[in-house]
Amino acid sequence: MAESLTVARPYAQAVFLFASQHHTLKDWSEMLQLLAAAAANPQMADMIDNPQLTEVQVADLFVGVGGDRLNEKCHNFIRLLAENRRLHVLPDIAALFEIQRRAAEQTVKAELVTAFPARESQQTAVIEALKKRLQLDIELECSTDPALLGGAIIRAGDLVIDGSVRGKLERLGTALMH
């Protein structure tokens, strides 16, 4: 894992610098997410490692998967990764790029996990509270986990707020044990 991140970091930094200079952070984010998903696919991973395919053939395969959602600069990037046998680190490149993009845009990705689907008013309240606390814009993703019983868990960067009923019961049980 650490080795993969070490290999991916210079590529992510180069793409981020290029996208920043050309004001195309969002476009590159979308293209890299698409490529990362393709590279993470087990069948594509087999193609990347297939010794019977040339680098050009593997690069063309990725370009074909992306279709018209990839621009010419991205095609060149894919070819560069293929030439250097680095297509397998695309998921790490995409993840590192997203970290840099969010930092540049002063945003953080937050996750709201609730026992039942969160209403829009609840989502808005969470976004506003996190904005105030973190002094950053918030990209909120919501999901449900019936095992929580009630309440919510909020994750934003290193911050975790467990206000779930399950979490409260666990803390109560721990307190009673001591």
N, C-alpha and C. Protein backbone atom coordinates (compact mmCIF):
# COMPACT_ATOMS: atom_id res chain seq x y z
N MET A 1 0.83 -1.20 0.00
CA MET A 1 0.00 0.00 0.00
C MET A 1 0.87 1.25 0.00
N ALA A 2 1.83 1.33 0.94
CA ALA A 2 2.68 2.51 1.04
C ALA A 2 3.50 2.67 -0.23
N GLU A 3 3.97 1.55 -0.80
CA GLU A 3 4.75 1.62 -2.02
C GLU A 3 3.90 2.16 -3.17
N SER A 4 2.65 1.71 -3.24
CA SER A 4 1.74 2.17 -4.28
C SER A 4 1.50 3.67 -4.16
N LEU A 5 1.33 4.16 -2.93
CA LEU A 5 1.13 5.60 -2.72
C LEU A 5 2.38 6.38 -3.10
N THR A 6 3.54 5.82 -2.82
CA THR A 6 4.80 6.48 -3.17
C THR A 6 4.93 6.60 -4.68
N VAL A 7 4.53 5.57 -5.40
CA VAL A 7 4.58 5.60 -6.86
C VAL A 7 3.54 6.56 -7.41
N ALA A 8 2.36 6.58 -6.80
CA ALA A 8 1.24 7.39 -7.31
C ALA A 8 1.42 8.88 -7.04
N ARG A 9 2.08 9.24 -5.95
CA ARG A 9 2.15 10.64 -5.51
C ARG A 9 2.68 11.61 -6.59
N PRO A 10 3.80 11.33 -7.26
CA PRO A 10 4.27 12.30 -8.27
C PRO A 10 3.30 12.47 -9.44
N TYR A 11 2.62 11.40 -9.81
CA TYR A 11 1.64 11.48 -10.89
C TYR A 11 0.46 12.35 -10.45
N ALA A 12 -0.02 12.11 -9.24
CA ALA A 12 -1.15 12.88 -8.72
C ALA A 12 -0.78 14.36 -8.62
N GLN A 13 0.43 14.65 -8.16
CA GLN A 13 0.88 16.03 -8.04
C GLN A 13 0.99 16.69 -9.41
N ALA A 14 1.51 15.96 -10.38
CA ALA A 14 1.64 16.52 -11.73
C ALA A 14 0.28 16.82 -12.35
N VAL A 15 -0.65 15.88 -12.21
CA VAL A 15 -2.00 16.09 -12.75
C VAL A 15 -2.67 17.25 -12.03
N PHE A 16 -2.50 17.32 -10.71
CA PHE A 16 -3.10 18.41 -9.95
C PHE A 16 -2.54 19.76 -10.40
N LEU A 17 -1.24 19.84 -10.57
CA LEU A 17 -0.62 21.09 -11.02
C LEU A 17 -1.15 21.49 -12.40
N PHE A 18 -1.22 20.53 -13.31
CA PHE A 18 -1.74 20.80 -14.65
C PHE A 18 -3.20 21.27 -14.59
N ALA A 19 -4.01 20.53 -13.84
CA ALA A 19 -5.44 20.87 -13.75
C ALA A 19 -5.64 22.22 -13.07
N SER A 20 -4.82 22.54 -12.09
CA SER A 20 -4.91 23.84 -11.42
C SER A 20 -4.60 24.98 -12.38
N GLN A 21 -3.53 24.80 -13.13
CA GLN A 21 -3.11 25.83 -14.07
C GLN A 21 -4.13 26.06 -15.18
N HIS A 22 -4.86 25.02 -15.53
CA HIS A 22 -5.84 25.12 -16.62
C HIS A 22 -7.28 25.23 -16.10
N HIS A 23 -7.44 25.38 -14.79
CA HIS A 23 -8.76 25.54 -14.16
C HIS A 23 -9.72 24.41 -14.54
N THR A 24 -9.19 23.18 -14.49
CA THR A 24 -9.99 22.01 -14.86
C THR A 24 -9.97 20.95 -13.75
N LEU A 25 -9.93 21.39 -12.51
CA LEU A 25 -9.88 20.45 -11.39
C LEU A 25 -11.07 19.49 -11.38
N LYS A 26 -12.25 20.05 -11.59
CA LYS A 26 -13.46 19.20 -11.56
C LYS A 26 -13.43 18.18 -12.69
N ASP A 27 -13.03 18.62 -13.89
CA ASP A 27 -12.97 17.70 -15.03
C ASP A 27 -11.99 16.56 -14.77
N TRP A 28 -10.80 16.90 -14.28
CA TRP A 28 -9.80 15.88 -13.99
C TRP A 28 -10.25 14.97 -12.86
N SER A 29 -10.94 15.52 -11.90
CA SER A 29 -11.45 14.71 -10.82
C SER A 29 -12.39 13.63 -11.36
N GLU A 30 -13.29 14.02 -12.22
CA GLU A 30 -14.24 13.07 -12.81
C GLU A 30 -13.53 12.04 -13.68
N MET A 31 -12.56 12.49 -14.49
CA MET A 31 -11.84 11.55 -15.36
C MET A 31 -11.04 10.56 -14.53
N LEU A 32 -10.36 11.04 -13.50
CA LEU A 32 -9.56 10.14 -12.67
C LEU A 32 -10.43 9.16 -11.89
N GLN A 33 -11.60 9.60 -11.44
CA GLN A 33 -12.50 8.68 -10.74
C GLN A 33 -12.96 7.56 -11.67
N LEU A 34 -13.25 7.92 -12.91
CA LEU A 34 -13.66 6.93 -13.91
C LEU A 34 -12.52 5.94 -14.16
N LEU A 35 -11.32 6.44 -14.37
CA LEU A 35 -10.17 5.58 -14.63
C LEU A 35 -9.83 4.71 -13.42
N ALA A 36 -9.96 5.27 -12.23
CA ALA A 36 -9.69 4.50 -11.01
C ALA A 36 -10.65 3.33 -10.88
N ALA A 37 -11.92 3.59 -11.17
CA ALA A 37 -12.92 2.53 -11.11
C ALA A 37 -12.60 1.44 -12.15
N ALA A 38 -12.17 1.85 -13.32
CA ALA A 38 -11.81 0.88 -14.35
C ALA A 38 -10.60 0.06 -13.91
N ALA A 39 -9.58 0.72 -13.38
CA ALA A 39 -8.36 0.01 -12.96
C ALA A 39 -8.62 -0.93 -11.80
N ALA A 40 -9.59 -0.60 -10.96
CA ALA A 40 -9.91 -1.43 -9.80
C ALA A 40 -10.74 -2.66 -10.19
N ASN A 41 -11.32 -2.65 -11.39
CA ASN A 41 -12.10 -3.78 -11.86
C ASN A 41 -11.18 -4.99 -12.04
N PRO A 42 -11.53 -6.14 -11.49
CA PRO A 42 -10.65 -7.32 -11.59
C PRO A 42 -10.30 -7.73 -13.02
N GLN A 43 -11.25 -7.59 -13.93
CA GLN A 43 -10.96 -7.95 -15.32
C GLN A 43 -9.96 -6.99 -15.95
N MET A 44 -10.11 -5.69 -15.63
CA MET A 44 -9.15 -4.71 -16.15
C MET A 44 -7.78 -4.92 -15.51
N ALA A 45 -7.76 -5.27 -14.24
CA ALA A 45 -6.49 -5.52 -13.55
C ALA A 45 -5.76 -6.68 -14.23
N ASP A 46 -6.51 -7.69 -14.64
CA ASP A 46 -5.90 -8.81 -15.37
C ASP A 46 -5.33 -8.34 -16.70
N MET A 47 -6.03 -7.43 -17.37
CA MET A 47 -5.55 -6.90 -18.66
C MET A 47 -4.27 -6.09 -18.47
N ILE A 48 -4.22 -5.30 -17.39
CA ILE A 48 -3.03 -4.49 -17.12
C ILE A 48 -1.81 -5.40 -16.95
N ASP A 49 -1.99 -6.52 -16.28
CA ASP A 49 -0.88 -7.44 -15.98
C ASP A 49 -0.65 -8.49 -17.07
N ASN A 50 -1.46 -8.47 -18.13
CA ASN A 50 -1.35 -9.47 -19.18
C ASN A 50 -0.09 -9.23 -20.02
N PRO A 51 0.86 -10.16 -19.99
CA PRO A 51 2.10 -9.97 -20.76
C PRO A 51 1.91 -10.07 -22.28
N GLN A 52 0.77 -10.59 -22.71
CA GLN A 52 0.51 -10.72 -24.14
C GLN A 52 0.05 -9.40 -24.76
N LEU A 53 -0.31 -8.41 -23.93
CA LEU A 53 -0.75 -7.12 -24.44
C LEU A 53 0.38 -6.10 -24.32
N THR A 54 0.52 -5.28 -25.34
CA THR A 54 1.51 -4.22 -25.30
C THR A 54 0.98 -3.05 -24.48
N GLU A 55 1.87 -2.15 -24.12
CA GLU A 55 1.45 -0.97 -23.38
C GLU A 55 0.44 -0.16 -24.17
N VAL A 56 0.64 -0.09 -25.48
CA VAL A 56 -0.26 0.66 -26.35
C VAL A 56 -1.66 0.04 -26.33
N GLN A 57 -1.72 -1.29 -26.39
CA GLN A 57 -3.01 -1.97 -26.37
C GLN A 57 -3.75 -1.75 -25.05
N VAL A 58 -3.01 -1.80 -23.95
CA VAL A 58 -3.64 -1.58 -22.64
C VAL A 58 -4.11 -0.13 -22.53
N ALA A 59 -3.29 0.80 -22.99
CA ALA A 59 -3.68 2.21 -22.95
C ALA A 59 -4.92 2.43 -23.81
N ASP A 60 -4.96 1.84 -24.99
CA ASP A 60 -6.12 1.98 -25.87
C ASP A 60 -7.37 1.39 -25.22
N LEU A 61 -7.20 0.34 -24.46
CA LEU A 61 -8.32 -0.27 -23.74
C LEU A 61 -8.90 0.74 -22.73
N PHE A 62 -8.05 1.41 -21.98
CA PHE A 62 -8.50 2.40 -21.01
C PHE A 62 -9.15 3.60 -21.71
N VAL A 63 -8.55 4.03 -22.80
CA VAL A 63 -9.12 5.14 -23.56
C VAL A 63 -10.50 4.75 -24.08
N GLY A 64 -10.63 3.53 -24.53
CA GLY A 64 -11.92 3.04 -25.02
C GLY A 64 -12.97 2.98 -23.92
N VAL A 65 -12.56 2.57 -22.74
CA VAL A 65 -13.50 2.51 -21.61
C VAL A 65 -13.99 3.91 -21.26
N GLY A 66 -13.09 4.87 -21.28
CA GLY A 66 -13.46 6.25 -20.94
C GLY A 66 -14.28 6.93 -22.01
N GLY A 67 -14.07 6.53 -23.26
CA GLY A 67 -14.82 7.12 -24.36
C GLY A 67 -14.68 8.62 -24.43
N ASP A 68 -15.78 9.30 -24.72
CA ASP A 68 -15.75 10.75 -24.89
C ASP A 68 -15.72 11.51 -23.56
N ARG A 69 -15.71 10.77 -22.45
CA ARG A 69 -15.61 11.44 -21.14
C ARG A 69 -14.17 11.81 -20.80
N LEU A 70 -13.23 11.33 -21.61
CA LEU A 70 -11.82 11.64 -21.42
C LEU A 70 -11.35 12.59 -22.51
N ASN A 71 -10.58 13.61 -22.12
CA ASN A 71 -10.05 14.52 -23.14
C ASN A 71 -8.69 14.04 -23.64
N GLU A 72 -8.14 14.74 -24.61
CA GLU A 72 -6.88 14.34 -25.24
C GLU A 72 -5.72 14.34 -24.24
N LYS A 73 -5.70 15.30 -23.33
CA LYS A 73 -4.64 15.34 -22.31
C LYS A 73 -4.72 14.11 -21.41
N CYS A 74 -5.91 13.67 -21.12
CA CYS A 74 -6.09 12.47 -20.30
C CYS A 74 -5.64 11.24 -21.09
N HIS A 75 -5.90 11.21 -22.37
CA HIS A 75 -5.42 10.10 -23.22
C HIS A 75 -3.89 10.02 -23.11
N ASN A 76 -3.24 11.18 -23.19
CA ASN A 76 -1.78 11.22 -23.09
C ASN A 76 -1.31 10.73 -21.72
N PHE A 77 -2.04 11.11 -20.69
CA PHE A 77 -1.70 10.68 -19.33
C PHE A 77 -1.81 9.15 -19.23
N ILE A 78 -2.86 8.58 -19.78
CA ILE A 78 -3.04 7.13 -19.76
C ILE A 78 -1.88 6.45 -20.49
N ARG A 79 -1.50 7.00 -21.64
CA ARG A 79 -0.39 6.41 -22.40
C ARG A 79 0.91 6.46 -21.61
N LEU A 80 1.14 7.57 -20.92
CA LEU A 80 2.33 7.70 -20.08
C LEU A 80 2.33 6.66 -18.96
N LEU A 81 1.19 6.51 -18.29
CA LEU A 81 1.10 5.50 -17.24
C LEU A 81 1.31 4.10 -17.80
N ALA A 82 0.76 3.82 -18.96
CA ALA A 82 0.92 2.50 -19.57
C ALA A 82 2.39 2.25 -19.93
N GLU A 83 3.05 3.25 -20.51
CA GLU A 83 4.46 3.11 -20.88
C GLU A 83 5.32 2.80 -19.65
N ASN A 84 4.98 3.41 -18.54
CA ASN A 84 5.75 3.22 -17.31
C ASN A 84 5.21 2.09 -16.43
N ARG A 85 4.24 1.36 -16.96
CA ARG A 85 3.59 0.25 -16.25
C ARG A 85 3.08 0.69 -14.88
N ARG A 86 2.31 1.78 -14.90
CA ARG A 86 1.78 2.36 -13.67
C ARG A 86 0.25 2.45 -13.65
N LEU A 87 -0.42 1.83 -14.59
CA LEU A 87 -1.89 1.91 -14.62
C LEU A 87 -2.52 1.32 -13.36
N HIS A 88 -1.86 0.39 -12.73
CA HIS A 88 -2.41 -0.24 -11.52
C HIS A 88 -2.50 0.74 -10.35
N VAL A 89 -1.80 1.87 -10.40
CA VAL A 89 -1.86 2.84 -9.29
C VAL A 89 -2.91 3.93 -9.54
N LEU A 90 -3.70 3.80 -10.57
CA LEU A 90 -4.74 4.80 -10.86
C LEU A 90 -5.67 5.07 -9.67
N PRO A 91 -6.12 4.05 -8.93
CA PRO A 91 -6.97 4.37 -7.77
C PRO A 91 -6.26 5.25 -6.74
N ASP A 92 -4.98 5.01 -6.52
CA ASP A 92 -4.22 5.84 -5.58
C ASP A 92 -3.99 7.25 -6.14
N ILE A 93 -3.74 7.34 -7.44
CA ILE A 93 -3.58 8.66 -8.06
C ILE A 93 -4.86 9.47 -7.88
N ALA A 94 -5.99 8.84 -8.15
CA ALA A 94 -7.28 9.53 -8.01
C ALA A 94 -7.52 9.96 -6.58
N ALA A 95 -7.21 9.10 -5.62
CA ALA A 95 -7.43 9.43 -4.20
C ALA A 95 -6.53 10.59 -3.77
N LEU A 96 -5.27 10.56 -4.15
CA LEU A 96 -4.35 11.64 -3.79
C LEU A 96 -4.74 12.95 -4.47
N PHE A 97 -5.19 12.85 -5.72
CA PHE A 97 -5.65 14.04 -6.43
C PHE A 97 -6.83 14.67 -5.70
N GLU A 98 -7.77 13.84 -5.24
CA GLU A 98 -8.96 14.35 -4.53
C GLU A 98 -8.58 15.06 -3.24
N ILE A 99 -7.60 14.54 -2.54
CA ILE A 99 -7.14 15.20 -1.32
C ILE A 99 -6.60 16.59 -1.65
N GLN A 100 -5.79 16.68 -2.68
CA GLN A 100 -5.22 17.97 -3.08
C GLN A 100 -6.30 18.91 -3.58
N ARG A 101 -7.26 18.38 -4.35
CA ARG A 101 -8.33 19.23 -4.88
C ARG A 101 -9.16 19.81 -3.75
N ARG A 102 -9.53 18.97 -2.80
CA ARG A 102 -10.35 19.46 -1.68
C ARG A 102 -9.59 20.49 -0.86
N ALA A 103 -8.31 20.27 -0.67
CA ALA A 103 -7.51 21.25 0.09
C ALA A 103 -7.46 22.58 -0.66
N ALA A 104 -7.28 22.52 -1.96
CA ALA A 104 -7.21 23.75 -2.76
C ALA A 104 -8.55 24.48 -2.77
N GLU A 105 -9.62 23.72 -2.80
CA GLU A 105 -10.96 24.30 -2.83
C GLU A 105 -11.50 24.56 -1.42
N GLN A 106 -10.69 24.25 -0.42
CA GLN A 106 -11.07 24.39 0.98
C GLN A 106 -12.40 23.69 1.27
N THR A 107 -12.45 22.45 0.86
CA THR A 107 -13.63 21.62 1.13
C THR A 107 -13.18 20.33 1.80
N VAL A 108 -14.10 19.71 2.47
CA VAL A 108 -13.84 18.41 3.07
C VAL A 108 -15.04 17.52 2.77
N LYS A 109 -14.75 16.25 2.54
CA LYS A 109 -15.81 15.28 2.30
C LYS A 109 -16.27 14.75 3.65
N ALA A 110 -17.54 14.85 3.91
CA ALA A 110 -18.11 14.37 5.17
C ALA A 110 -19.12 13.28 4.88
N GLU A 111 -19.24 12.37 5.82
CA GLU A 111 -20.18 11.28 5.68
C GLU A 111 -21.16 11.31 6.86
N LEU A 112 -22.42 11.23 6.54
CA LEU A 112 -23.48 11.17 7.55
C LEU A 112 -24.13 9.80 7.45
N VAL A 113 -23.99 9.00 8.51
CA VAL A 113 -24.59 7.66 8.55
C VAL A 113 -25.70 7.70 9.59
N THR A 114 -26.90 7.36 9.15
CA THR A 114 -28.06 7.37 10.04
C THR A 114 -28.78 6.03 9.97
N ALA A 115 -29.60 5.77 10.99
CA ALA A 115 -30.37 4.53 11.00
C ALA A 115 -31.48 4.57 9.94
N PHE A 116 -32.01 5.77 9.70
CA PHE A 116 -33.07 5.98 8.71
C PHE A 116 -32.62 7.10 7.79
N PRO A 117 -33.13 7.17 6.57
CA PRO A 117 -32.70 8.23 5.65
C PRO A 117 -32.86 9.62 6.28
N ALA A 118 -31.79 10.42 6.16
CA ALA A 118 -31.79 11.78 6.73
C ALA A 118 -32.62 12.71 5.85
N ARG A 119 -33.44 13.52 6.50
CA ARG A 119 -34.22 14.52 5.77
C ARG A 119 -33.30 15.64 5.29
N GLU A 120 -33.75 16.37 4.31
CA GLU A 120 -32.95 17.46 3.76
C GLU A 120 -32.63 18.51 4.83
N SER A 121 -33.57 18.79 5.70
CA SER A 121 -33.33 19.77 6.76
C SER A 121 -32.23 19.28 7.72
N GLN A 122 -32.20 17.96 7.98
CA GLN A 122 -31.16 17.41 8.84
C GLN A 122 -29.80 17.49 8.16
N GLN A 123 -29.77 17.20 6.87
CA GLN A 123 -28.52 17.29 6.12
C GLN A 123 -27.99 18.72 6.13
N THR A 124 -28.88 19.68 5.92
CA THR A 124 -28.50 21.08 5.92
C THR A 124 -27.94 21.49 7.28
N ALA A 125 -28.57 21.03 8.35
CA ALA A 125 -28.10 21.35 9.70
C ALA A 125 -26.71 20.78 9.95
N VAL A 126 -26.47 19.56 9.49
CA VAL A 126 -25.15 18.94 9.65
C VAL A 126 -24.10 19.72 8.86
N ILE A 127 -24.43 20.08 7.62
CA ILE A 127 -23.50 20.84 6.79
C ILE A 127 -23.15 22.16 7.46
N GLU A 128 -24.14 22.87 7.94
CA GLU A 128 -23.89 24.17 8.58
C GLU A 128 -23.06 24.03 9.85
N ALA A 129 -23.35 23.03 10.66
CA ALA A 129 -22.58 22.81 11.90
C ALA A 129 -21.12 22.46 11.59
N LEU A 130 -20.92 21.61 10.58
CA LEU A 130 -19.55 21.25 10.22
C LEU A 130 -18.80 22.43 9.61
N LYS A 131 -19.49 23.23 8.80
CA LYS A 131 -18.87 24.43 8.23
C LYS A 131 -18.37 25.34 9.33
N LYS A 132 -19.20 25.52 10.33
CA LYS A 132 -18.86 26.41 11.44
C LYS A 132 -17.67 25.85 12.24
N ARG A 133 -17.68 24.55 12.47
CA ARG A 133 -16.63 23.92 13.28
C ARG A 133 -15.31 23.81 12.53
N LEU A 134 -15.35 23.43 11.25
CA LEU A 134 -14.14 23.16 10.49
C LEU A 134 -13.65 24.34 9.65
N GLN A 135 -14.51 25.33 9.48
CA GLN A 135 -14.17 26.50 8.65
C GLN A 135 -13.83 26.09 7.21
N LEU A 136 -14.54 25.09 6.71
CA LEU A 136 -14.36 24.59 5.35
C LEU A 136 -15.73 24.34 4.73
N ASP A 137 -15.77 24.33 3.39
CA ASP A 137 -16.99 23.92 2.71
C ASP A 137 -17.12 22.41 2.87
N ILE A 138 -18.34 21.93 2.88
CA ILE A 138 -18.61 20.52 3.16
C ILE A 138 -19.28 19.86 1.96
N GLU A 139 -18.74 18.70 1.56
CA GLU A 139 -19.39 17.82 0.58
C GLU A 139 -19.95 16.65 1.38
N LEU A 140 -21.26 16.62 1.55
CA LEU A 140 -21.87 15.62 2.42
C LEU A 140 -22.40 14.43 1.62
N GLU A 141 -22.00 13.24 2.06
CA GLU A 141 -22.54 11.99 1.52
C GLU A 141 -23.34 11.33 2.63
N CYS A 142 -24.51 10.86 2.29
CA CYS A 142 -25.39 10.25 3.29
C CYS A 142 -25.58 8.77 2.99
N SER A 143 -25.64 7.99 4.06
CA SER A 143 -25.94 6.57 3.93
C SER A 143 -26.72 6.14 5.17
N THR A 144 -27.29 4.95 5.09
CA THR A 144 -28.05 4.44 6.23
C THR A 144 -27.44 3.13 6.72
N ASP A 145 -27.58 2.90 8.02
CA ASP A 145 -27.13 1.67 8.65
C ASP A 145 -28.12 1.35 9.76
N PRO A 146 -29.07 0.44 9.51
CA PRO A 146 -30.09 0.13 10.51
C PRO A 146 -29.52 -0.36 11.84
N ALA A 147 -28.29 -0.85 11.83
CA ALA A 147 -27.66 -1.34 13.07
C ALA A 147 -27.41 -0.21 14.07
N LEU A 148 -27.46 1.03 13.63
CA LEU A 148 -27.25 2.16 14.55
C LEU A 148 -28.42 2.33 15.52
N LEU A 149 -29.57 1.81 15.18
CA LEU A 149 -30.81 1.90 15.95
C LEU A 149 -31.43 3.29 15.90
N GLY A 150 -30.65 4.32 15.99
CA GLY A 150 -31.12 5.71 15.96
C GLY A 150 -29.92 6.62 16.03
N GLY A 151 -30.15 7.92 15.91
CA GLY A 151 -29.05 8.87 15.95
C GLY A 151 -28.25 8.85 14.66
N ALA A 152 -26.97 9.27 14.76
CA ALA A 152 -26.15 9.37 13.56
C ALA A 152 -24.67 9.31 13.92
N ILE A 153 -23.87 8.97 12.90
CA ILE A 153 -22.41 9.05 12.99
C ILE A 153 -21.98 9.99 11.88
N ILE A 154 -21.12 10.95 12.23
CA ILE A 154 -20.61 11.91 11.25
C ILE A 154 -19.10 11.75 11.18
N ARG A 155 -18.59 11.60 9.95
CA ARG A 155 -17.15 11.53 9.72
C ARG A 155 -16.77 12.63 8.75
N ALA A 156 -15.78 13.43 9.12
CA ALA A 156 -15.28 14.50 8.25
C ALA A 156 -13.78 14.59 8.47
N GLY A 157 -13.01 14.06 7.51
CA GLY A 157 -11.57 14.03 7.70
C GLY A 157 -11.24 13.17 8.91
N ASP A 158 -10.49 13.71 9.86
CA ASP A 158 -10.11 12.98 11.07
C ASP A 158 -11.17 13.05 12.16
N LEU A 159 -12.17 13.88 11.97
CA LEU A 159 -13.22 14.09 12.96
C LEU A 159 -14.28 13.00 12.85
N VAL A 160 -14.59 12.36 13.97
CA VAL A 160 -15.68 11.38 14.03
C VAL A 160 -16.57 11.74 15.21
N ILE A 161 -17.84 11.93 14.94
CA ILE A 161 -18.82 12.22 15.99
C ILE A 161 -19.83 11.09 15.98
N ASP A 162 -19.83 10.32 17.07
CA ASP A 162 -20.74 9.18 17.17
C ASP A 162 -21.90 9.55 18.09
N GLY A 163 -23.02 9.91 17.51
CA GLY A 163 -24.23 10.23 18.26
C GLY A 163 -25.29 9.17 18.07
N SER A 164 -24.84 7.96 17.70
CA SER A 164 -25.80 6.88 17.46
C SER A 164 -26.24 6.26 18.78
N VAL A 165 -27.41 5.68 18.78
CA VAL A 165 -27.91 4.97 19.95
C VAL A 165 -26.98 3.80 20.27
N ARG A 166 -26.54 3.09 19.25
CA ARG A 166 -25.61 1.98 19.46
C ARG A 166 -24.34 2.46 20.15
N GLY A 167 -23.78 3.57 19.68
CA GLY A 167 -22.57 4.13 20.28
C GLY A 167 -22.78 4.55 21.72
N LYS A 168 -23.93 5.16 22.00
CA LYS A 168 -24.25 5.57 23.38
C LYS A 168 -24.39 4.36 24.29
N LEU A 169 -25.04 3.30 23.79
CA LEU A 169 -25.18 2.08 24.58
C LEU A 169 -23.83 1.43 24.86
N GLU A 170 -22.94 1.45 23.86
CA GLU A 170 -21.60 0.89 24.05
C GLU A 170 -20.83 1.69 25.11
N ARG A 171 -20.92 3.02 25.05
CA ARG A 171 -20.24 3.86 26.03
C ARG A 171 -20.83 3.65 27.43
N LEU A 172 -22.13 3.49 27.52
CA LEU A 172 -22.78 3.23 28.81
C LEU A 172 -22.32 1.90 29.38
N GLY A 173 -22.26 0.88 28.52
CA GLY A 173 -21.79 -0.44 28.94
C GLY A 173 -20.35 -0.39 29.44
N THR A 174 -19.51 0.35 28.75
CA THR A 174 -18.11 0.50 29.17
C THR A 174 -18.02 1.21 30.51
N ALA A 175 -18.82 2.26 30.69
CA ALA A 175 -18.82 3.01 31.94
C ALA A 175 -19.29 2.13 33.10
N LEU A 176 -20.27 1.29 32.86
CA LEU A 176 -20.79 0.42 33.91
C LEU A 176 -19.78 -0.67 34.29
N MET A 177 -18.96 -1.08 33.34
CA MET A 177 -17.97 -2.12 33.58
C MET A 177 -16.83 -1.60 34.46
N HIS A 178 -16.61 -0.29 34.48
CA HIS A 178 -15.48 0.27 35.24
C HIS A 178 -15.96 0.82 36.51
